[in-house]
Amino acid sequence: LMYSPAHGVWAITEKGIKRVAEADGQGPGPHPAPEFPDLVQLYEDYEEAFEQKLLQSLLDLTATEFERFSKELLRVYGFVDLQVTGRTGDGGIDGHGMLRVGLATMNVAFQCKRWQGKVGASEINAFRGAIQGEFEQGIFFTTSDFTKAAKELSIKKGAVPVILLNGKSIVKLMMEKQFGVRKRPLELYFEDVRSVLEDNQ
């Protein structure tokens, strides 16, 4: 396929030219399948980048806006009579609402922390103490994450359960419900002209 007409010089033979043409699909003979990027990997990379973008959008909200956002997200999941307290010194209760479970109605309170650092066990204990006796369930929203101790305290025997939603969980819920997210189907096309000719022979 190659030859050396002079010292340090290499050239391609006619056979080599034919081989290159066949590889490029320009000549006779079997042609290798074209190389396409790994679409699955591309999608996974895109999804991860999009989730990070969504999370950054939440971090860009003010504390008050994040409370309102959390209220509206709960509304999408069927909560009613939702209110944001808009008060300080309320024991960490940023809002409350009601969730119908079968024939019963559950009173639920929520707290929001637009944080960078992890939420610890002390915050979970303080929130639970504030809702104990008045609410049947608590929901704790944070743009960051929870420590291991906080996660272990979320469900405690004999105490009001506290559902923990970190930044990643909130983003997943947004994408699942298309809440603050718009989705457009993606169609892929592949050339297959020769199959048309073969089918009609």
N, C-alpha and C. Protein backbone atom coordinates (compact mmCIF):
# COMPACT_ATOMS: atom_id res chain seq x y z
N LEU A 1 0.80 -1.21 0.00
CA LEU A 1 0.00 0.00 0.00
C LEU A 1 0.84 1.27 0.00
N MET A 2 2.09 1.16 0.49
CA MET A 2 2.99 2.30 0.55
C MET A 2 4.33 1.92 -0.09
N TYR A 3 5.06 2.92 -0.61
CA TYR A 3 6.43 2.66 -1.09
C TYR A 3 7.27 3.90 -0.83
N SER A 4 8.60 3.72 -0.90
CA SER A 4 9.52 4.82 -0.61
C SER A 4 10.34 5.14 -1.86
N PRO A 5 9.96 6.18 -2.61
CA PRO A 5 10.69 6.53 -3.83
C PRO A 5 12.07 7.13 -3.55
N ALA A 6 12.28 7.64 -2.34
CA ALA A 6 13.56 8.25 -1.96
C ALA A 6 13.72 8.14 -0.46
N HIS A 7 14.95 8.32 -0.01
CA HIS A 7 15.24 8.20 1.42
C HIS A 7 14.42 9.23 2.21
N GLY A 8 13.65 8.74 3.18
CA GLY A 8 12.86 9.62 4.02
C GLY A 8 11.57 10.09 3.40
N VAL A 9 11.22 9.52 2.24
CA VAL A 9 9.99 9.93 1.57
C VAL A 9 9.11 8.71 1.38
N TRP A 10 7.83 8.85 1.72
CA TRP A 10 6.89 7.75 1.54
C TRP A 10 5.73 8.20 0.68
N ALA A 11 5.24 7.29 -0.17
CA ALA A 11 4.11 7.59 -1.05
C ALA A 11 3.14 6.43 -1.02
N ILE A 12 1.93 6.68 -1.46
CA ILE A 12 0.90 5.65 -1.47
C ILE A 12 0.79 5.07 -2.87
N THR A 13 0.63 3.77 -2.96
CA THR A 13 0.51 3.09 -4.25
C THR A 13 -0.93 3.20 -4.76
N GLU A 14 -1.13 2.76 -6.01
CA GLU A 14 -2.49 2.76 -6.56
C GLU A 14 -3.40 1.84 -5.74
N LYS A 15 -2.82 0.73 -5.29
CA LYS A 15 -3.59 -0.18 -4.45
C LYS A 15 -3.98 0.50 -3.14
N GLY A 16 -3.06 1.29 -2.61
CA GLY A 16 -3.35 2.02 -1.37
C GLY A 16 -4.44 3.06 -1.56
N ILE A 17 -4.39 3.75 -2.74
CA ILE A 17 -5.42 4.74 -3.04
C ILE A 17 -6.79 4.08 -3.12
N LYS A 18 -6.83 2.89 -3.74
CA LYS A 18 -8.08 2.15 -3.86
C LYS A 18 -8.59 1.76 -2.48
N ARG A 19 -7.68 1.36 -1.62
CA ARG A 19 -8.06 0.94 -0.26
C ARG A 19 -8.66 2.12 0.53
N VAL A 20 -8.06 3.28 0.39
CA VAL A 20 -8.57 4.47 1.09
C VAL A 20 -9.96 4.85 0.56
N ALA A 21 -10.12 4.76 -0.79
CA ALA A 21 -11.41 5.10 -1.38
C ALA A 21 -12.50 4.16 -0.89
N GLU A 22 -12.17 2.87 -0.78
CA GLU A 22 -13.16 1.91 -0.29
C GLU A 22 -13.52 2.20 1.17
N ALA A 23 -12.54 2.54 1.97
CA ALA A 23 -12.79 2.84 3.38
C ALA A 23 -13.66 4.08 3.54
N ASP A 24 -13.54 5.04 2.60
CA ASP A 24 -14.33 6.27 2.66
C ASP A 24 -15.69 6.10 2.00
N GLY A 25 -15.96 4.91 1.48
CA GLY A 25 -17.24 4.68 0.82
C GLY A 25 -17.29 5.21 -0.58
N GLN A 26 -16.15 5.48 -1.21
CA GLN A 26 -16.13 6.07 -2.54
C GLN A 26 -15.77 5.06 -3.63
N GLY A 27 -15.52 3.88 -3.25
CA GLY A 27 -15.12 2.89 -4.24
C GLY A 27 -15.86 1.59 -4.03
N PRO A 28 -15.60 0.59 -4.88
CA PRO A 28 -16.29 -0.70 -4.76
C PRO A 28 -15.79 -1.48 -3.56
N GLY A 29 -16.51 -2.53 -3.26
CA GLY A 29 -16.09 -3.40 -2.16
C GLY A 29 -16.86 -3.09 -0.90
N PRO A 30 -16.69 -3.94 0.12
CA PRO A 30 -17.40 -3.75 1.39
C PRO A 30 -16.95 -2.47 2.09
N HIS A 31 -17.91 -1.73 2.59
CA HIS A 31 -17.59 -0.48 3.27
C HIS A 31 -17.85 -0.65 4.77
N PRO A 32 -16.93 -0.22 5.59
CA PRO A 32 -17.16 -0.32 7.03
C PRO A 32 -18.28 0.61 7.45
N ALA A 33 -19.00 0.22 8.51
CA ALA A 33 -20.10 1.05 9.01
C ALA A 33 -19.55 2.37 9.51
N PRO A 34 -20.25 3.46 9.23
CA PRO A 34 -19.78 4.76 9.70
C PRO A 34 -19.75 4.81 11.22
N GLU A 35 -18.80 5.56 11.74
CA GLU A 35 -18.68 5.67 13.19
C GLU A 35 -19.57 6.80 13.68
N PHE A 36 -20.49 6.47 14.61
CA PHE A 36 -21.34 7.45 15.22
C PHE A 36 -20.90 7.64 16.66
N PRO A 37 -21.07 8.83 17.20
CA PRO A 37 -20.74 9.01 18.62
C PRO A 37 -21.64 8.15 19.48
N ASP A 38 -21.19 7.80 20.66
CA ASP A 38 -21.98 7.01 21.59
C ASP A 38 -23.13 7.88 22.08
N LEU A 39 -24.31 7.71 21.45
CA LEU A 39 -25.44 8.57 21.76
C LEU A 39 -25.91 8.42 23.19
N VAL A 40 -25.83 7.20 23.72
CA VAL A 40 -26.24 6.97 25.11
C VAL A 40 -25.34 7.75 26.06
N GLN A 41 -24.03 7.69 25.81
CA GLN A 41 -23.09 8.42 26.66
C GLN A 41 -23.29 9.93 26.52
N LEU A 42 -23.54 10.37 25.28
CA LEU A 42 -23.80 11.79 25.07
C LEU A 42 -25.02 12.25 25.85
N TYR A 43 -26.07 11.42 25.83
CA TYR A 43 -27.30 11.78 26.54
C TYR A 43 -27.06 11.82 28.04
N GLU A 44 -26.33 10.83 28.56
CA GLU A 44 -26.06 10.80 30.01
C GLU A 44 -25.24 12.02 30.43
N ASP A 45 -24.27 12.41 29.60
CA ASP A 45 -23.47 13.60 29.90
C ASP A 45 -24.34 14.85 29.87
N TYR A 46 -25.24 14.92 28.88
CA TYR A 46 -26.13 16.07 28.77
C TYR A 46 -27.08 16.14 29.96
N GLU A 47 -27.64 15.00 30.35
CA GLU A 47 -28.58 14.96 31.47
C GLU A 47 -27.90 15.41 32.76
N GLU A 48 -26.68 14.94 32.97
CA GLU A 48 -25.94 15.34 34.17
C GLU A 48 -25.67 16.84 34.17
N ALA A 49 -25.29 17.39 33.03
CA ALA A 49 -25.03 18.82 32.93
C ALA A 49 -26.31 19.62 33.13
N PHE A 50 -27.43 19.10 32.61
CA PHE A 50 -28.71 19.80 32.77
C PHE A 50 -29.15 19.80 34.23
N GLU A 51 -28.94 18.69 34.92
CA GLU A 51 -29.29 18.63 36.34
C GLU A 51 -28.48 19.64 37.15
N GLN A 52 -27.21 19.78 36.80
CA GLN A 52 -26.37 20.77 37.48
C GLN A 52 -26.87 22.19 37.20
N LYS A 53 -27.33 22.41 35.98
CA LYS A 53 -27.86 23.73 35.62
C LYS A 53 -29.13 24.02 36.41
N LEU A 54 -30.01 23.02 36.55
CA LEU A 54 -31.23 23.19 37.33
C LEU A 54 -30.91 23.50 38.79
N LEU A 55 -29.95 22.76 39.33
CA LEU A 55 -29.57 22.98 40.73
C LEU A 55 -29.02 24.39 40.93
N GLN A 56 -28.23 24.86 39.98
CA GLN A 56 -27.69 26.21 40.08
C GLN A 56 -28.82 27.25 40.02
N SER A 57 -29.86 26.95 39.25
CA SER A 57 -31.00 27.85 39.18
C SER A 57 -31.68 27.96 40.54
N LEU A 58 -31.73 26.85 41.27
CA LEU A 58 -32.32 26.87 42.61
C LEU A 58 -31.44 27.68 43.57
N LEU A 59 -30.13 27.54 43.42
CA LEU A 59 -29.21 28.28 44.28
C LEU A 59 -29.29 29.78 44.00
N ASP A 60 -29.68 30.14 42.79
CA ASP A 60 -29.77 31.55 42.43
C ASP A 60 -31.02 32.22 43.00
N LEU A 61 -31.98 31.40 43.50
CA LEU A 61 -33.18 31.96 44.11
C LEU A 61 -32.85 32.57 45.47
N THR A 62 -33.63 33.54 45.87
CA THR A 62 -33.50 34.06 47.23
C THR A 62 -34.15 33.05 48.19
N ALA A 63 -33.93 33.23 49.47
CA ALA A 63 -34.51 32.33 50.46
C ALA A 63 -36.04 32.34 50.36
N THR A 64 -36.61 33.53 50.19
CA THR A 64 -38.07 33.66 50.06
C THR A 64 -38.57 32.99 48.79
N GLU A 65 -37.86 33.16 47.69
CA GLU A 65 -38.26 32.53 46.43
C GLU A 65 -38.17 31.01 46.54
N PHE A 66 -37.18 30.50 47.24
CA PHE A 66 -37.05 29.05 47.39
C PHE A 66 -38.20 28.48 48.21
N GLU A 67 -38.67 29.22 49.19
CA GLU A 67 -39.84 28.79 49.97
C GLU A 67 -41.08 28.72 49.08
N ARG A 68 -41.27 29.73 48.26
CA ARG A 68 -42.41 29.74 47.34
C ARG A 68 -42.30 28.62 46.31
N PHE A 69 -41.08 28.39 45.84
CA PHE A 69 -40.84 27.30 44.87
C PHE A 69 -41.22 25.96 45.51
N SER A 70 -40.79 25.73 46.74
CA SER A 70 -41.08 24.47 47.44
C SER A 70 -42.57 24.27 47.62
N LYS A 71 -43.27 25.36 47.93
CA LYS A 71 -44.72 25.28 48.08
C LYS A 71 -45.37 24.85 46.76
N GLU A 72 -44.94 25.43 45.65
CA GLU A 72 -45.53 25.09 44.36
C GLU A 72 -45.19 23.67 43.93
N LEU A 73 -44.01 23.21 44.30
CA LEU A 73 -43.64 21.82 43.98
C LEU A 73 -44.53 20.85 44.73
N LEU A 74 -44.85 21.16 45.98
CA LEU A 74 -45.76 20.30 46.75
C LEU A 74 -47.16 20.33 46.15
N ARG A 75 -47.55 21.48 45.61
CA ARG A 75 -48.87 21.58 44.98
C ARG A 75 -48.97 20.62 43.79
N VAL A 76 -47.90 20.51 43.03
CA VAL A 76 -47.87 19.61 41.88
C VAL A 76 -48.09 18.17 42.33
N TYR A 77 -47.66 17.84 43.54
CA TYR A 77 -47.79 16.48 44.05
C TYR A 77 -49.09 16.27 44.84
N GLY A 78 -50.02 17.20 44.72
CA GLY A 78 -51.34 16.97 45.28
C GLY A 78 -51.62 17.60 46.63
N PHE A 79 -50.69 18.38 47.17
CA PHE A 79 -50.94 19.06 48.44
C PHE A 79 -51.91 20.23 48.20
N VAL A 80 -52.73 20.50 49.19
CA VAL A 80 -53.70 21.60 49.09
C VAL A 80 -53.58 22.51 50.30
N ASP A 81 -54.24 23.65 50.21
CA ASP A 81 -54.24 24.64 51.31
C ASP A 81 -52.82 24.97 51.75
N LEU A 82 -51.95 25.10 50.79
CA LEU A 82 -50.54 25.38 51.10
C LEU A 82 -50.35 26.86 51.42
N GLN A 83 -49.54 27.11 52.42
CA GLN A 83 -49.23 28.48 52.81
C GLN A 83 -47.76 28.58 53.19
N VAL A 84 -47.14 29.68 52.82
CA VAL A 84 -45.79 30.00 53.30
C VAL A 84 -45.97 30.94 54.48
N THR A 85 -45.35 30.63 55.59
CA THR A 85 -45.57 31.42 56.81
C THR A 85 -45.01 32.82 56.68
N GLY A 86 -43.82 32.94 56.06
CA GLY A 86 -43.22 34.26 55.92
C GLY A 86 -42.85 34.89 57.24
N ARG A 87 -42.66 34.05 58.25
CA ARG A 87 -42.34 34.56 59.58
C ARG A 87 -40.98 34.06 60.02
N THR A 88 -40.38 34.74 60.97
CA THR A 88 -39.16 34.28 61.62
C THR A 88 -39.50 33.88 63.05
N GLY A 89 -38.66 33.06 63.63
CA GLY A 89 -38.90 32.63 64.99
C GLY A 89 -40.07 31.69 65.13
N ASP A 90 -40.40 30.94 64.06
CA ASP A 90 -41.52 30.01 64.10
C ASP A 90 -41.06 28.58 64.28
N GLY A 91 -39.83 28.41 64.75
CA GLY A 91 -39.32 27.06 64.97
C GLY A 91 -38.87 26.37 63.71
N GLY A 92 -38.66 27.13 62.65
CA GLY A 92 -38.17 26.53 61.42
C GLY A 92 -39.26 26.10 60.47
N ILE A 93 -40.51 26.38 60.78
CA ILE A 93 -41.61 26.03 59.88
C ILE A 93 -41.75 27.14 58.84
N ASP A 94 -41.43 26.83 57.60
CA ASP A 94 -41.51 27.83 56.53
C ASP A 94 -42.85 27.81 55.82
N GLY A 95 -43.58 26.71 55.97
CA GLY A 95 -44.88 26.60 55.35
C GLY A 95 -45.60 25.33 55.78
N HIS A 96 -46.85 25.23 55.40
CA HIS A 96 -47.61 24.03 55.75
C HIS A 96 -48.75 23.86 54.77
N GLY A 97 -49.33 22.67 54.76
CA GLY A 97 -50.43 22.35 53.88
C GLY A 97 -51.06 21.04 54.27
N MET A 98 -51.90 20.52 53.40
CA MET A 98 -52.60 19.28 53.70
C MET A 98 -52.48 18.32 52.52
N LEU A 99 -52.39 17.04 52.84
CA LEU A 99 -52.30 16.00 51.82
C LEU A 99 -53.36 14.95 52.10
N ARG A 100 -54.20 14.70 51.12
CA ARG A 100 -55.24 13.70 51.28
C ARG A 100 -54.64 12.31 51.04
N VAL A 101 -54.84 11.43 52.02
CA VAL A 101 -54.36 10.05 51.94
C VAL A 101 -55.57 9.14 52.12
N GLY A 102 -56.10 8.65 51.01
CA GLY A 102 -57.32 7.86 51.09
C GLY A 102 -58.48 8.75 51.55
N LEU A 103 -59.14 8.35 52.64
CA LEU A 103 -60.25 9.13 53.19
C LEU A 103 -59.78 10.14 54.23
N ALA A 104 -58.52 10.04 54.61
CA ALA A 104 -57.98 10.90 55.66
C ALA A 104 -57.21 12.07 55.05
N THR A 105 -56.97 13.06 55.88
CA THR A 105 -56.18 14.22 55.47
C THR A 105 -55.03 14.40 56.46
N MET A 106 -53.83 14.58 55.91
CA MET A 106 -52.63 14.69 56.74
C MET A 106 -52.12 16.13 56.74
N ASN A 107 -51.89 16.65 57.93
CA ASN A 107 -51.30 17.98 58.05
C ASN A 107 -49.79 17.88 57.92
N VAL A 108 -49.23 18.65 57.02
CA VAL A 108 -47.79 18.56 56.72
C VAL A 108 -47.16 19.95 56.80
N ALA A 109 -46.00 20.02 57.44
CA ALA A 109 -45.23 21.26 57.51
C ALA A 109 -43.95 21.07 56.71
N PHE A 110 -43.40 22.17 56.18
CA PHE A 110 -42.14 22.05 55.45
C PHE A 110 -41.18 23.16 55.85
N GLN A 111 -39.92 22.84 55.71
CA GLN A 111 -38.85 23.80 55.98
C GLN A 111 -37.91 23.82 54.79
N CYS A 112 -37.32 24.98 54.48
CA CYS A 112 -36.47 25.13 53.31
C CYS A 112 -35.12 25.73 53.72
N LYS A 113 -34.06 25.12 53.24
CA LYS A 113 -32.71 25.63 53.49
C LYS A 113 -31.97 25.72 52.16
N ARG A 114 -31.78 26.94 51.70
CA ARG A 114 -31.01 27.16 50.46
C ARG A 114 -29.55 27.28 50.87
N TRP A 115 -28.93 26.11 51.10
CA TRP A 115 -27.59 26.04 51.67
C TRP A 115 -26.59 25.48 50.67
N GLN A 116 -25.32 25.71 50.98
CA GLN A 116 -24.22 25.06 50.26
C GLN A 116 -23.71 23.87 51.08
N GLY A 117 -23.60 24.07 52.40
CA GLY A 117 -23.12 23.00 53.27
C GLY A 117 -24.23 22.02 53.63
N LYS A 118 -23.87 20.88 54.18
CA LYS A 118 -24.84 19.84 54.50
C LYS A 118 -25.67 20.21 55.74
N VAL A 119 -26.92 19.77 55.71
CA VAL A 119 -27.82 19.96 56.84
C VAL A 119 -27.56 18.84 57.85
N GLY A 120 -27.37 19.21 59.10
CA GLY A 120 -27.02 18.23 60.12
C GLY A 120 -28.21 17.76 60.95
N ALA A 121 -27.91 16.88 61.89
CA ALA A 121 -28.94 16.28 62.75
C ALA A 121 -29.63 17.32 63.62
N SER A 122 -28.91 18.34 64.05
CA SER A 122 -29.51 19.36 64.94
C SER A 122 -30.66 20.09 64.24
N GLU A 123 -30.51 20.36 62.94
CA GLU A 123 -31.58 21.03 62.21
C GLU A 123 -32.82 20.13 62.09
N ILE A 124 -32.60 18.83 61.90
CA ILE A 124 -33.72 17.90 61.80
C ILE A 124 -34.44 17.80 63.14
N ASN A 125 -33.69 17.73 64.23
CA ASN A 125 -34.28 17.65 65.57
C ASN A 125 -35.08 18.91 65.90
N ALA A 126 -34.55 20.08 65.52
CA ALA A 126 -35.23 21.34 65.81
C ALA A 126 -36.54 21.43 65.01
N PHE A 127 -36.50 21.01 63.77
CA PHE A 127 -37.70 21.05 62.93
C PHE A 127 -38.75 20.09 63.46
N ARG A 128 -38.32 18.89 63.82
CA ARG A 128 -39.27 17.90 64.36
C ARG A 128 -39.89 18.42 65.66
N GLY A 129 -39.10 19.05 66.49
CA GLY A 129 -39.63 19.58 67.74
C GLY A 129 -40.68 20.65 67.50
N ALA A 130 -40.50 21.44 66.42
CA ALA A 130 -41.43 22.52 66.12
C ALA A 130 -42.77 22.00 65.59
N ILE A 131 -42.76 20.84 64.92
CA ILE A 131 -43.99 20.34 64.30
C ILE A 131 -44.67 19.26 65.12
N GLN A 132 -43.98 18.71 66.12
CA GLN A 132 -44.52 17.63 66.94
C GLN A 132 -45.83 18.07 67.60
N GLY A 133 -46.86 17.24 67.48
CA GLY A 133 -48.13 17.52 68.13
C GLY A 133 -49.11 18.29 67.27
N GLU A 134 -48.63 18.98 66.23
CA GLU A 134 -49.51 19.77 65.37
C GLU A 134 -49.59 19.23 63.95
N PHE A 135 -48.50 18.60 63.51
CA PHE A 135 -48.44 18.08 62.14
C PHE A 135 -48.11 16.59 62.17
N GLU A 136 -48.63 15.87 61.17
CA GLU A 136 -48.39 14.42 61.08
C GLU A 136 -47.12 14.08 60.30
N GLN A 137 -46.61 15.06 59.56
CA GLN A 137 -45.42 14.79 58.75
C GLN A 137 -44.69 16.10 58.46
N GLY A 138 -43.38 15.99 58.29
CA GLY A 138 -42.58 17.15 57.92
C GLY A 138 -41.81 16.87 56.66
N ILE A 139 -41.55 17.89 55.88
CA ILE A 139 -40.74 17.78 54.67
C ILE A 139 -39.64 18.83 54.75
N PHE A 140 -38.41 18.39 54.59
CA PHE A 140 -37.26 19.29 54.70
C PHE A 140 -36.60 19.41 53.33
N PHE A 141 -36.65 20.61 52.76
CA PHE A 141 -36.02 20.88 51.47
C PHE A 141 -34.66 21.53 51.68
N THR A 142 -33.66 21.09 50.93
CA THR A 142 -32.38 21.80 50.92
C THR A 142 -31.75 21.68 49.54
N THR A 143 -31.07 22.73 49.13
CA THR A 143 -30.37 22.71 47.85
C THR A 143 -29.06 21.93 47.94
N SER A 144 -28.61 21.63 49.16
CA SER A 144 -27.35 20.89 49.33
C SER A 144 -27.64 19.42 49.59
N ASP A 145 -27.27 18.93 50.76
CA ASP A 145 -27.48 17.52 51.09
C ASP A 145 -27.59 17.40 52.61
N PHE A 146 -27.78 16.18 53.09
CA PHE A 146 -27.92 15.91 54.51
C PHE A 146 -26.76 15.04 54.99
N THR A 147 -26.35 15.24 56.22
CA THR A 147 -25.32 14.40 56.80
C THR A 147 -25.89 13.00 57.06
N LYS A 148 -25.03 12.06 57.30
CA LYS A 148 -25.47 10.69 57.59
C LYS A 148 -26.33 10.66 58.84
N ALA A 149 -25.94 11.42 59.85
CA ALA A 149 -26.70 11.47 61.10
C ALA A 149 -28.10 12.03 60.87
N ALA A 150 -28.19 13.05 60.01
CA ALA A 150 -29.50 13.65 59.71
C ALA A 150 -30.40 12.63 59.01
N LYS A 151 -29.84 11.87 58.09
CA LYS A 151 -30.62 10.86 57.37
C LYS A 151 -31.13 9.79 58.32
N GLU A 152 -30.30 9.41 59.27
CA GLU A 152 -30.70 8.38 60.23
C GLU A 152 -31.82 8.86 61.15
N LEU A 153 -31.90 10.17 61.38
CA LEU A 153 -32.92 10.74 62.26
C LEU A 153 -34.24 11.02 61.56
N SER A 154 -34.25 10.96 60.23
CA SER A 154 -35.45 11.36 59.50
C SER A 154 -36.66 10.50 59.87
N ILE A 155 -36.44 9.21 60.03
CA ILE A 155 -37.51 8.30 60.45
C ILE A 155 -37.13 7.76 61.83
N LYS A 156 -37.89 8.18 62.83
CA LYS A 156 -37.59 7.81 64.21
C LYS A 156 -38.85 7.26 64.86
N LYS A 157 -38.73 6.11 65.49
CA LYS A 157 -39.88 5.44 66.09
C LYS A 157 -40.54 6.35 67.13
N GLY A 158 -41.85 6.50 67.01
CA GLY A 158 -42.60 7.29 67.96
C GLY A 158 -42.54 8.79 67.71
N ALA A 159 -41.87 9.22 66.64
CA ALA A 159 -41.74 10.64 66.35
C ALA A 159 -42.32 10.94 64.97
N VAL A 160 -42.61 12.19 64.74
CA VAL A 160 -43.14 12.60 63.43
C VAL A 160 -42.08 12.35 62.36
N PRO A 161 -42.44 11.64 61.28
CA PRO A 161 -41.46 11.40 60.21
C PRO A 161 -41.14 12.68 59.45
N VAL A 162 -39.89 12.82 59.07
CA VAL A 162 -39.45 13.98 58.31
C VAL A 162 -38.86 13.49 56.99
N ILE A 163 -39.51 13.84 55.89
CA ILE A 163 -39.03 13.46 54.56
C ILE A 163 -37.93 14.42 54.16
N LEU A 164 -36.80 13.87 53.73
CA LEU A 164 -35.65 14.69 53.35
C LEU A 164 -35.53 14.77 51.83
N LEU A 165 -35.48 15.99 51.32
CA LEU A 165 -35.30 16.20 49.88
C LEU A 165 -34.07 17.08 49.67
N ASN A 166 -32.99 16.47 49.16
CA ASN A 166 -31.79 17.25 48.88
C ASN A 166 -31.87 17.84 47.47
N GLY A 167 -30.83 18.58 47.10
CA GLY A 167 -30.84 19.25 45.80
C GLY A 167 -31.04 18.29 44.65
N LYS A 168 -30.36 17.16 44.69
CA LYS A 168 -30.47 16.19 43.60
C LYS A 168 -31.88 15.62 43.51
N SER A 169 -32.49 15.33 44.67
CA SER A 169 -33.85 14.79 44.68
C SER A 169 -34.85 15.81 44.13
N ILE A 170 -34.67 17.07 44.51
CA ILE A 170 -35.58 18.12 44.03
C ILE A 170 -35.50 18.23 42.50
N VAL A 171 -34.27 18.19 41.97
CA VAL A 171 -34.08 18.28 40.52
C VAL A 171 -34.74 17.10 39.82
N LYS A 172 -34.61 15.91 40.38
CA LYS A 172 -35.24 14.72 39.78
C LYS A 172 -36.75 14.87 39.75
N LEU A 173 -37.32 15.41 40.84
CA LEU A 173 -38.77 15.62 40.89
C LEU A 173 -39.20 16.64 39.84
N MET A 174 -38.41 17.68 39.67
CA MET A 174 -38.72 18.70 38.66
C MET A 174 -38.76 18.09 37.27
N MET A 175 -37.80 17.25 36.96
CA MET A 175 -37.73 16.63 35.65
C MET A 175 -38.86 15.61 35.46
N GLU A 176 -39.17 14.88 36.53
CA GLU A 176 -40.24 13.88 36.46
C GLU A 176 -41.59 14.54 36.18
N LYS A 177 -41.87 15.65 36.85
CA LYS A 177 -43.15 16.33 36.71
C LYS A 177 -43.11 17.46 35.68
N GLN A 178 -41.95 17.69 35.06
CA GLN A 178 -41.76 18.81 34.14
C GLN A 178 -42.20 20.11 34.81
N PHE A 179 -41.74 20.28 36.03
CA PHE A 179 -42.05 21.46 36.83
C PHE A 179 -40.88 22.42 36.70
N GLY A 180 -41.10 23.52 35.97
CA GLY A 180 -40.00 24.43 35.69
C GLY A 180 -39.05 23.87 34.66
N VAL A 181 -39.51 22.82 33.96
CA VAL A 181 -38.70 22.14 32.94
C VAL A 181 -39.57 21.86 31.73
N ARG A 182 -39.05 22.12 30.55
CA ARG A 182 -39.75 21.78 29.32
C ARG A 182 -38.99 20.66 28.62
N LYS A 183 -39.74 19.68 28.13
CA LYS A 183 -39.11 18.52 27.48
C LYS A 183 -39.54 18.46 26.03
N ARG A 184 -38.58 18.19 25.14
CA ARG A 184 -38.87 18.04 23.72
C ARG A 184 -38.33 16.70 23.23
N PRO A 185 -39.18 15.87 22.59
CA PRO A 185 -38.71 14.57 22.08
C PRO A 185 -37.59 14.77 21.06
N LEU A 186 -36.65 13.85 21.06
CA LEU A 186 -35.53 13.91 20.12
C LEU A 186 -35.63 12.74 19.15
N GLU A 187 -35.63 13.05 17.85
CA GLU A 187 -35.71 12.01 16.83
C GLU A 187 -34.35 11.85 16.16
N LEU A 188 -33.95 10.61 15.93
CA LEU A 188 -32.68 10.31 15.29
C LEU A 188 -32.95 9.70 13.91
N TYR A 189 -32.16 10.08 12.92
CA TYR A 189 -32.31 9.57 11.56
C TYR A 189 -31.03 8.88 11.11
N PHE A 190 -31.20 7.77 10.36
CA PHE A 190 -30.05 7.02 9.85
C PHE A 190 -30.27 6.74 8.36
N GLU A 191 -29.24 6.97 7.56
CA GLU A 191 -29.33 6.77 6.11
C GLU A 191 -29.38 5.29 5.79
N ASP A 192 -30.33 4.89 4.93
CA ASP A 192 -30.46 3.50 4.53
C ASP A 192 -31.06 3.43 3.12
N VAL A 193 -30.49 4.18 2.18
CA VAL A 193 -31.02 4.29 0.82
C VAL A 193 -31.01 2.96 0.10
N ARG A 194 -29.91 2.19 0.23
CA ARG A 194 -29.77 0.95 -0.51
C ARG A 194 -30.84 -0.07 -0.17
N SER A 195 -31.35 -0.02 1.07
CA SER A 195 -32.39 -0.99 1.45
C SER A 195 -33.66 -0.77 0.64
N VAL A 196 -33.91 0.48 0.21
CA VAL A 196 -35.07 0.77 -0.62
C VAL A 196 -34.96 0.08 -1.96
N LEU A 197 -33.76 0.10 -2.54
CA LEU A 197 -33.53 -0.54 -3.85
C LEU A 197 -33.62 -2.05 -3.73
N GLU A 198 -33.06 -2.59 -2.64
CA GLU A 198 -33.08 -4.05 -2.46
C GLU A 198 -34.49 -4.55 -2.23
N ASP A 199 -35.30 -3.79 -1.50
CA ASP A 199 -36.67 -4.21 -1.22
C ASP A 199 -37.54 -4.25 -2.45
N ASN A 200 -37.15 -3.46 -3.48
CA ASN A 200 -37.99 -3.36 -4.68
C ASN A 200 -37.40 -4.09 -5.87
N GLN A 201 -36.45 -4.99 -5.64
CA GLN A 201 -35.88 -5.76 -6.74
C GLN A 201 -36.83 -6.89 -7.12
